[in-house]
Protein backbone atom coordinates (compact mmCIF):
# COMPACT_ATOMS: atom_id res chain seq x y z
CA MET A 1 -6.53 25.52 5.46
CA GLY A 2 -4.15 23.11 7.21
CA MET A 3 -2.12 25.98 8.62
CA PHE A 4 -5.23 27.52 10.14
CA LEU A 5 -6.13 24.20 11.78
CA ILE A 6 -2.63 23.81 13.22
CA ARG A 7 -2.63 27.41 14.41
CA ASP A 8 -5.88 26.71 16.30
CA LEU A 9 -4.02 24.15 18.43
CA VAL A 10 -1.95 26.89 20.07
CA SER A 11 -4.38 29.76 19.64
CA PRO A 12 -5.12 31.67 22.88
CA ARG A 13 -8.80 31.71 21.93
CA THR A 14 -8.85 27.89 21.92
CA TRP A 15 -7.35 27.62 25.38
CA LEU A 16 -9.48 30.47 26.71
CA ALA A 17 -12.48 28.45 25.52
CA MET A 18 -11.16 25.41 27.39
CA VAL A 19 -10.65 27.46 30.56
CA HIS A 20 -14.16 28.82 30.05
CA HIS A 21 -15.56 25.27 30.05
CA LEU A 22 -13.64 24.33 33.19
CA ALA A 23 -14.64 27.54 35.00
CA GLY A 24 -18.28 26.89 34.07
CA LEU A 25 -17.99 23.38 35.49
CA PHE A 26 -16.69 24.55 38.86
CA LEU A 27 -19.18 27.43 39.04
CA GLY A 28 -22.01 25.09 38.04
CA VAL A 29 -21.23 22.66 40.86
CA ALA A 30 -21.20 25.46 43.46
CA VAL A 31 -24.28 27.32 42.22
CA PHE A 32 -26.42 24.26 41.48
CA SER A 33 -26.31 23.04 45.06
CA VAL A 34 -27.04 26.50 46.49
CA VAL A 35 -29.91 27.24 44.09
CA MET A 36 -31.51 23.83 44.50
CA THR A 37 -31.34 24.18 48.28
CA GLY A 38 -32.77 27.70 48.21
CA LEU A 39 -35.52 26.78 45.75
CA SER A 40 -36.57 23.70 47.73
CA LEU A 41 -36.48 25.59 51.03
CA GLY A 42 -38.37 28.60 49.66
CA VAL A 43 -41.14 26.55 48.06
CA GLY A 44 -41.36 24.27 51.10
CA LEU A 45 -41.78 27.21 53.49
CA LEU A 46 -44.45 29.00 51.44
CA PRO A 47 -47.37 27.26 53.25
CA LEU A 48 -45.90 28.32 56.63
CA ALA A 49 -47.19 31.90 56.76
CA LEU A 50 -45.32 32.70 53.54
CA LEU A 51 -41.94 32.35 55.27
CA GLY A 52 -40.52 31.14 51.99
CA ILE A 53 -40.95 34.51 50.26
CA PRO A 54 -37.79 36.08 51.79
CA VAL A 55 -35.92 32.88 50.90
CA LEU A 56 -37.10 33.12 47.29
CA GLY A 57 -36.16 36.79 47.30
CA ALA A 58 -32.64 35.92 48.42
CA LEU A 59 -32.55 33.22 45.73
CA LEU A 60 -33.52 35.72 43.02
CA TRP A 61 -30.89 38.13 44.30
CA LEU A 62 -28.26 35.37 44.19
CA ALA A 63 -29.31 34.31 40.68
CA GLN A 64 -29.07 37.92 39.51
CA GLY A 65 -25.53 38.17 40.88
CA PHE A 66 -24.57 34.87 39.24
CA ALA A 67 -26.01 36.06 35.93
CA TRP A 68 -23.88 39.20 36.20
CA ALA A 69 -20.79 37.05 36.85
CA GLU A 70 -21.65 34.82 33.89
CA ARG A 71 -21.96 37.79 31.55
CA ALA A 72 -18.52 38.93 32.73
CA ARG A 73 -17.12 35.39 32.19
CA PHE A 74 -18.46 35.17 28.63
CA ALA A 75 -17.14 38.64 27.86
CA PHE A 76 -13.66 37.90 29.27
CA PHE A 77 -13.02 34.40 27.90
CA LEU A 78 -15.07 34.42 24.68
CA ASP A 79 -15.52 38.13 23.93
CA GLN A 80 -19.27 37.51 23.80
CA ARG A 81 -21.57 40.27 25.06
CA ILE A 82 -24.80 38.95 26.56
CA PRO A 83 -27.46 41.69 26.92
CA ALA A 84 -29.21 41.83 30.27
CA TRP A 85 -32.89 42.20 30.94
CA PRO A 86 -33.67 45.88 31.66
CA ALA A 87 -33.30 46.42 35.40
CA GLY A 88 -36.12 48.97 35.52
CA THR A 89 -38.81 46.26 35.36
CA ARG A 90 -37.69 44.80 38.69
CA ALA A 91 -39.35 46.50 41.62
CA GLY A 92 -36.76 45.33 44.14
CA TYR A 93 -37.35 44.59 47.82
CA ARG A 94 -39.30 45.91 50.78
CA TRP A 95 -37.30 46.42 53.98
CA GLY A 96 -34.30 44.94 52.19
CA ILE A 97 -35.45 41.28 52.38
CA VAL A 98 -39.03 40.86 51.13
CA PRO A 99 -39.26 40.84 47.30
CA ARG A 100 -42.02 42.87 45.70
CA GLN A 101 -44.63 41.21 43.51
CA ALA A 102 -43.13 42.63 40.30
CA LEU A 103 -39.84 40.92 41.14
CA LEU A 104 -41.45 37.57 41.97
CA THR A 105 -43.33 37.55 38.63
CA ASN A 106 -40.49 38.90 36.50
CA ARG A 107 -39.57 36.61 33.59
CA GLY A 108 -35.97 37.72 33.56
CA ALA A 109 -35.46 36.96 37.26
CA TRP A 110 -36.76 33.38 36.96
CA ALA A 111 -34.87 32.87 33.70
CA GLU A 112 -31.70 33.60 35.67
CA VAL A 113 -32.71 30.99 38.25
CA GLY A 114 -33.31 28.47 35.47
CA TYR A 115 -29.95 29.30 33.95
CA ALA A 116 -28.23 28.74 37.32
CA LEU A 117 -29.78 25.24 37.46
CA LEU A 118 -28.90 24.51 33.83
CA ARG A 119 -25.29 25.66 34.19
CA LEU A 120 -24.05 22.41 35.75
CA PRO A 121 -25.42 19.85 33.23
CA VAL A 122 -24.44 22.04 30.27
CA SER A 123 -20.90 22.52 31.59
CA VAL A 124 -20.57 18.82 32.42
CA ALA A 125 -21.49 17.90 28.85
CA MET A 126 -19.36 20.52 27.14
CA ALA A 127 -16.32 20.16 29.39
CA GLY A 128 -16.57 16.35 29.19
CA ILE A 129 -16.72 16.33 25.39
CA SER A 130 -13.85 18.81 25.09
CA ILE A 131 -11.59 17.07 27.61
CA GLY A 132 -12.44 13.68 26.10
CA ALA A 133 -11.52 14.80 22.59
CA TRP A 134 -8.20 16.27 23.72
CA THR A 135 -7.38 13.22 25.90
CA ILE A 136 -8.12 10.62 23.24
CA GLY A 137 -6.23 12.64 20.62
CA LEU A 138 -3.14 12.89 22.83
CA VAL A 139 -3.27 9.19 23.76
CA MET A 140 -3.46 8.14 20.10
CA LEU A 141 -0.74 10.59 19.01
CA THR A 142 1.76 9.44 21.65
CA LEU A 143 0.88 5.73 21.57
CA PRO A 144 3.99 4.78 19.48
CA LEU A 145 6.22 6.19 22.25
CA TYR A 146 4.98 3.92 25.04
CA ASP A 147 3.09 1.11 23.29
CA ARG A 148 5.83 -1.51 23.74
CA PHE A 149 6.18 -0.72 27.44
CA LEU A 150 2.55 -1.58 28.25
CA PRO A 151 2.03 -4.73 30.41
CA SER A 152 0.55 -6.80 27.58
CA GLY A 153 3.20 -5.72 25.11
CA GLY A 154 0.95 -3.20 23.42
CA ALA A 155 -2.35 -1.40 23.59
CA GLU A 156 -5.38 -3.70 23.52
CA ILE A 157 -8.73 -3.23 21.81
CA GLY A 158 -10.84 -6.14 22.92
CA SER A 159 -8.57 -9.17 22.50
CA THR A 160 -6.46 -7.54 19.79
CA VAL A 161 -3.02 -6.16 20.70
CA LEU A 162 -1.93 -3.16 18.64
CA ARG A 163 1.59 -3.67 17.31
CA GLY A 164 3.57 -2.88 14.26
CA PHE A 165 4.70 0.20 12.39
CA PRO A 166 1.56 0.62 10.20
CA VAL A 167 -0.73 0.45 13.22
CA MET A 168 1.39 2.95 15.16
CA LEU A 169 1.53 5.29 12.17
CA LEU A 170 -2.22 5.09 11.78
CA SER A 171 -2.69 5.77 15.52
CA ALA A 172 -0.38 8.81 15.46
CA GLY A 173 -2.04 10.20 12.33
CA GLY A 174 -5.53 9.65 13.73
CA GLY A 175 -4.54 11.27 17.03
CA PHE A 176 -3.17 14.33 15.24
CA VAL A 177 -6.37 14.71 13.22
CA LEU A 178 -8.44 14.31 16.37
CA LEU A 179 -6.40 17.03 18.12
CA LEU A 180 -7.05 19.38 15.23
CA ALA A 181 -10.74 18.55 15.49
CA ALA A 182 -10.62 18.94 19.29
CA ALA A 183 -9.49 22.56 18.96
CA GLN A 184 -12.40 23.34 16.65
CA LEU A 185 -14.78 21.35 18.83
CA THR A 186 -13.73 23.21 21.98
CA ARG A 187 -14.32 26.59 20.38
CA GLY A 188 -17.55 25.48 18.75
CA LEU A 189 -18.93 24.22 22.04
CA ALA A 190 -17.96 27.52 23.69
CA PHE A 191 -20.01 29.49 21.17
CA ALA A 192 -22.87 27.01 21.59
CA ASP A 193 -22.62 27.69 25.32
CA ALA A 194 -22.85 31.42 24.59
CA SER A 195 -26.01 30.80 22.57
CA VAL A 196 -27.56 28.95 25.51
CA ALA A 197 -26.64 31.82 27.85
CA LYS A 198 -28.07 34.43 25.48
CA GLY A 199 -31.28 32.45 25.19
CA MET A 200 -31.80 32.47 28.96
CA LEU A 201 -30.07 35.62 30.23
CA SER A 202 -31.29 38.01 27.51
CA PRO A 203 -34.75 39.07 26.33
CA PRO A 204 -35.98 36.41 23.89
CA SER A 205 -36.23 38.71 20.88
CA ASP A 206 -35.98 42.31 19.75
CA LEU A 207 -39.73 42.63 20.07
CA ALA A 208 -39.67 41.40 23.66
CA ALA A 209 -36.84 43.80 24.46
CA ARG A 210 -38.84 46.60 22.91
CA VAL A 211 -41.91 45.72 24.99
CA THR A 212 -39.77 45.64 28.12
CA GLU A 213 -38.31 49.07 27.32
CA LEU A 214 -41.82 50.44 26.82
CA GLU A 215 -42.86 49.02 30.19
CA VAL A 216 -39.96 50.83 31.82
CA SER A 217 -40.84 54.00 29.90
CA ARG A 218 -44.47 53.76 31.04
CA GLU A 219 -43.41 53.47 34.67
CA ARG A 220 -41.20 56.55 34.32
CA VAL A 221 -44.03 58.52 32.69
CA ILE A 222 -46.41 57.57 35.50
CA ASP A 223 -43.85 58.67 38.10
CA SER A 224 -43.27 61.92 36.21
CA ALA A 225 -47.01 62.62 35.96
CA GLU A 226 -47.44 61.94 39.68
CA ALA A 227 -44.59 64.32 40.52
CA GLU A 228 -46.19 66.98 38.27
CA ARG A 229 -49.56 66.50 39.98
CA ARG A 230 -47.96 66.99 43.39
CA ARG A 231 -46.22 70.14 42.14
CA ILE A 232 -49.51 71.63 40.90
CA GLU A 233 -51.23 70.73 44.17
CA ARG A 234 -48.41 72.34 46.16
CA ASP A 235 -48.47 75.49 44.01
CA LEU A 236 -52.23 75.83 44.41
CA HIS A 237 -52.04 75.31 48.16
CA ASP A 238 -49.09 77.59 48.82
CA GLY A 239 -49.81 80.25 46.22
CA ALA A 240 -53.27 80.95 44.80
CA GLN A 241 -55.18 79.42 47.71
CA GLN A 242 -53.40 81.59 50.27
CA ARG A 243 -54.06 84.72 48.22
CA LEU A 244 -57.75 83.84 47.85
CA VAL A 245 -58.03 83.29 51.61
CA ALA A 246 -56.42 86.68 52.21
CA LEU A 247 -58.82 88.21 49.67
CA ALA A 248 -61.85 86.74 51.45
CA MET A 249 -60.60 88.07 54.80
CA GLU A 250 -60.03 91.57 53.37
CA LEU A 251 -63.53 91.63 51.87
CA GLY A 252 -65.02 90.42 55.16
CA ARG A 253 -63.27 93.22 57.08
CA ALA A 254 -64.42 95.76 54.46
CA LYS A 255 -68.02 94.55 54.79
CA MET A 256 -67.85 95.14 58.54
CA LYS A 257 -66.40 98.64 58.05
CA PHE A 258 -68.98 99.88 55.51
CA ALA A 259 -71.53 100.82 58.19
CA ASP A 260 -69.36 103.17 60.26
CA ASP A 261 -66.02 103.80 58.47
CA ILE A 262 -66.31 104.24 54.72
CA ASP A 263 -62.68 105.35 54.28
CA SER A 264 -61.29 102.27 56.02
CA ALA A 265 -63.68 100.07 54.05
CA ARG A 266 -62.51 101.69 50.79
CA GLU A 267 -58.89 101.06 51.77
CA LEU A 268 -59.64 97.40 52.53
CA VAL A 269 -61.43 97.01 49.19
CA ASP A 270 -58.36 98.44 47.43
CA GLN A 271 -56.18 95.91 49.23
CA ALA A 272 -58.61 93.14 48.23
CA HIS A 273 -58.39 94.33 44.64
CA VAL A 274 -54.61 94.01 44.75
CA GLN A 275 -54.94 90.55 46.29
CA ALA A 276 -57.37 89.53 43.52
CA LYS A 277 -54.94 90.64 40.80
CA GLU A 278 -52.06 88.80 42.46
CA ALA A 279 -54.22 85.65 42.73
CA LEU A 280 -55.04 85.92 39.02
CA THR A 281 -51.36 86.25 38.23
CA GLU A 282 -50.61 83.17 40.32
CA LEU A 283 -53.32 81.18 38.55
CA ARG A 284 -52.19 82.41 35.13
CA ASN A 285 -48.61 81.34 35.83
CA LEU A 286 -49.83 78.00 37.11
CA VAL A 287 -51.93 77.40 33.99
CA ARG A 288 -49.01 78.44 31.82
CA GLY A 289 -46.89 75.85 33.65
CA VAL A 290 -49.44 73.14 32.85
CA HIS A 291 -49.71 74.02 29.17
CA PRO A 292 -49.03 77.53 27.85
CA PRO A 293 -51.76 78.90 25.54
CA VAL A 294 -49.18 80.50 23.23
CA LEU A 295 -47.79 77.03 22.46
CA THR A 296 -51.21 75.83 21.30
CA GLU A 297 -52.01 78.98 19.36
CA ARG A 298 -48.68 79.92 17.76
CA GLY A 299 -46.36 76.93 18.08
CA LEU A 300 -42.85 76.34 19.36
CA ASP A 301 -41.15 79.39 17.84
CA ALA A 302 -43.34 81.90 19.66
CA ALA A 303 -43.49 79.86 22.88
CA LEU A 304 -39.72 79.43 23.12
CA SER A 305 -39.15 83.07 22.23
CA GLY A 306 -41.39 83.96 25.17
CA LEU A 307 -39.31 81.77 27.48
CA ALA A 308 -36.11 83.40 26.23
CA ALA A 309 -37.56 86.87 26.77
CA VAL A 310 -38.15 86.30 30.49
CA CYS A 311 -34.85 84.52 31.10
CA PRO A 312 -32.45 86.71 33.14
CA ILE A 313 -29.54 85.98 30.74
CA PRO A 314 -29.38 86.54 26.96
CA VAL A 315 -30.71 83.56 25.00
CA ASP A 316 -30.43 82.96 21.24
CA VAL A 317 -33.35 81.03 19.79
CA HIS A 318 -33.30 79.24 16.45
CA VAL A 319 -36.38 77.24 15.46
CA ASP A 320 -36.64 75.52 12.09
CA VAL A 321 -39.65 73.23 12.06
CA PRO A 322 -41.18 73.10 8.56
CA VAL A 323 -44.03 70.80 9.64
CA ARG A 324 -45.60 71.33 13.03
CA PRO A 325 -45.28 68.18 15.20
CA LYS A 326 -47.94 66.63 17.39
CA ALA A 327 -49.10 68.58 20.42
CA THR A 328 -47.57 66.01 22.78
CA VAL A 329 -44.15 66.34 21.17
CA GLU A 330 -44.42 70.15 21.19
CA ALA A 331 -45.26 70.14 24.89
CA VAL A 332 -42.31 67.91 25.74
CA ALA A 333 -39.93 70.12 23.75
CA TYR A 334 -41.32 73.25 25.42
CA PHE A 335 -41.00 71.95 28.97
CA VAL A 336 -37.51 70.58 28.32
CA VAL A 337 -36.42 74.06 27.24
CA ALA A 338 -38.29 75.73 30.12
CA GLU A 339 -36.69 73.50 32.77
CA ALA A 340 -33.26 73.79 31.15
CA LEU A 341 -33.42 77.60 31.12
CA THR A 342 -34.55 77.58 34.76
CA ASN A 343 -31.57 75.42 35.70
CA ILE A 344 -29.21 77.66 33.73
CA ALA A 345 -30.52 80.77 35.48
CA LYS A 346 -30.27 79.18 38.94
CA HIS A 347 -27.09 77.12 38.81
CA ALA A 348 -24.97 77.58 35.69
CA ARG A 349 -23.55 81.12 36.30
CA ALA A 350 -23.75 81.52 32.54
CA SER A 351 -23.60 84.76 30.59
CA HIS A 352 -25.21 83.38 27.45
CA ALA A 353 -27.42 80.46 26.36
CA SER A 354 -28.59 79.06 23.04
CA ILE A 355 -31.63 77.08 21.92
CA VAL A 356 -31.69 75.25 18.59
CA VAL A 357 -34.83 73.32 17.52
CA GLU A 358 -34.97 71.59 14.16
CA GLY A 359 -37.48 69.31 12.49
CA HIS A 360 -36.19 66.59 10.18
CA GLY A 361 -38.47 65.09 7.53
CA TYR A 362 -42.09 64.12 7.90
CA PRO A 363 -43.07 62.70 10.27
CA GLY A 364 -39.34 62.37 11.08
CA THR A 365 -37.85 63.66 14.31
CA LEU A 366 -37.59 66.88 16.28
CA THR A 367 -34.19 67.69 17.79
CA VAL A 368 -33.78 70.16 20.65
CA MET A 369 -30.38 71.39 21.82
CA ILE A 370 -29.85 73.75 24.75
CA SER A 371 -26.35 74.98 25.55
CA ASP A 372 -24.77 77.54 27.87
CA ASP A 373 -21.31 78.87 28.67
CA GLY A 374 -21.62 78.32 32.41
CA ILE A 375 -19.51 76.41 34.91
CA GLY A 376 -20.77 72.94 33.90
CA GLY A 377 -20.86 70.00 36.28
CA ALA A 378 -24.58 69.31 35.82
CA ASP A 379 -25.60 65.94 37.27
CA PRO A 380 -27.81 63.91 34.86
CA ALA A 381 -29.06 61.90 37.84
CA GLY A 382 -30.26 65.03 39.64
CA ALA A 383 -33.97 65.57 40.22
CA GLY A 384 -34.38 68.22 37.51
CA LEU A 385 -32.52 66.51 34.66
CA ASN A 386 -33.80 63.08 35.64
CA GLY A 387 -37.35 64.43 35.48
CA LEU A 388 -36.67 65.74 31.98
CA ALA A 389 -35.33 62.34 30.96
CA ASP A 390 -38.53 60.74 32.27
CA ARG A 391 -40.67 63.19 30.31
CA VAL A 392 -38.68 62.54 27.12
CA SER A 393 -38.84 58.77 27.54
CA GLY A 394 -42.63 59.04 27.70
CA VAL A 395 -42.72 59.86 23.97
CA ASP A 396 -39.96 57.35 23.14
CA GLY A 397 -37.31 60.04 22.74
CA THR A 398 -33.63 60.14 23.64
CA PHE A 399 -32.04 62.47 26.19
CA SER A 400 -28.35 63.19 26.76
CA VAL A 401 -26.35 65.66 28.85
CA GLU A 402 -22.75 66.75 28.38
CA SER A 403 -21.54 68.96 31.19
CA PRO A 404 -17.82 68.74 31.99
CA THR A 405 -16.52 70.75 34.90
CA GLY A 406 -15.82 74.26 33.64
CA GLY A 407 -18.48 73.99 30.95
CA PRO A 408 -20.05 74.19 28.54
CA THR A 409 -23.26 72.30 29.25
CA ILE A 410 -25.14 70.82 26.28
CA ILE A 411 -28.52 69.12 26.56
CA ALA A 412 -29.59 67.22 23.46
CA VAL A 413 -33.04 65.72 22.93
CA THR A 414 -34.42 63.79 19.97
CA LEU A 415 -38.17 63.31 19.81
CA PRO A 416 -39.95 61.07 17.27
CA CYS A 417 -42.80 62.85 15.52
CA GLY A 418 -44.49 59.81 13.96
């Protein structure tokens, strides 16, 4: 036990903790003055035509940057990882300077401001206690070396002058013990500091973090649904609507021809018939894109086999789902495969693809894996794959893409069925 205490005196972790306290003190002094000035100025200017809102926005931006620096400081000096509030709940800024309402009411953003104000008093206390313990310990340990050279002939406590071998021995022993305690105290205060930072810079509990994640997921689902609505509107306008307009024009011309030119009228009716069939095909494809009937009637195996059949490259399909999942989960799995096969056909230059769908337990999970032997290099942040990630997040699933340059590309999705 004694060896461990002595080792702590020269341990790098002890001195990194001391440097951490000193760095926090200097950062606290700088940030406290800036944040207090910005907060006072922003609140003071709010009655003046809301001129304080850009100031508060800049303050929130500064606090967010300081929180990022603090997380890096705790990770470097103390090896403590402090989780951040999910960035997706912050709506950002308009025109680069005016914060949106979601940012001004975000708990995480104001918690970072509060932490920036708290940094100085916390660091003053912790650095002061640590430095004081080390200083007093060193003074007591070395007192026998310089005690007789002091102006009064020895150290004084009140009116008592400390002299003599027993007193010096007691001082040196007490100083050594205090130094051992100072090492433990310095490290203990550093971990207490980490607890304070986690309490203010991280979601307050697992439940709160879960709620925040669900809020982000909801926003992504709403965006995905809006993008799907615009796609359907565009397909109706550019496809079926144009064919129906052409059909109406053909029938109108045929009606005019019936009185004097039966042959021309018959030809126009034939053209209208073709237009009607093409419009039906357009509408059928559009309905299938919204929700394919075969998926409702026969399940994933038949629906995915149908997708594979119309894909221009060979596709192996393996579906093992003992218990049919919910309709929502089935639809997500279907559209993930449909979009993935479309991307493979357009961009991958693949000669073969594979689809594996497996259900695990009840209610359990549904895993979907799509792979191809193409050129790889798929960008997960691209519009297509990002849209799939949004759709998967809507049912609380996980989405991953592995696509090194040169291939292969593997898309893996796990969907909860409960």
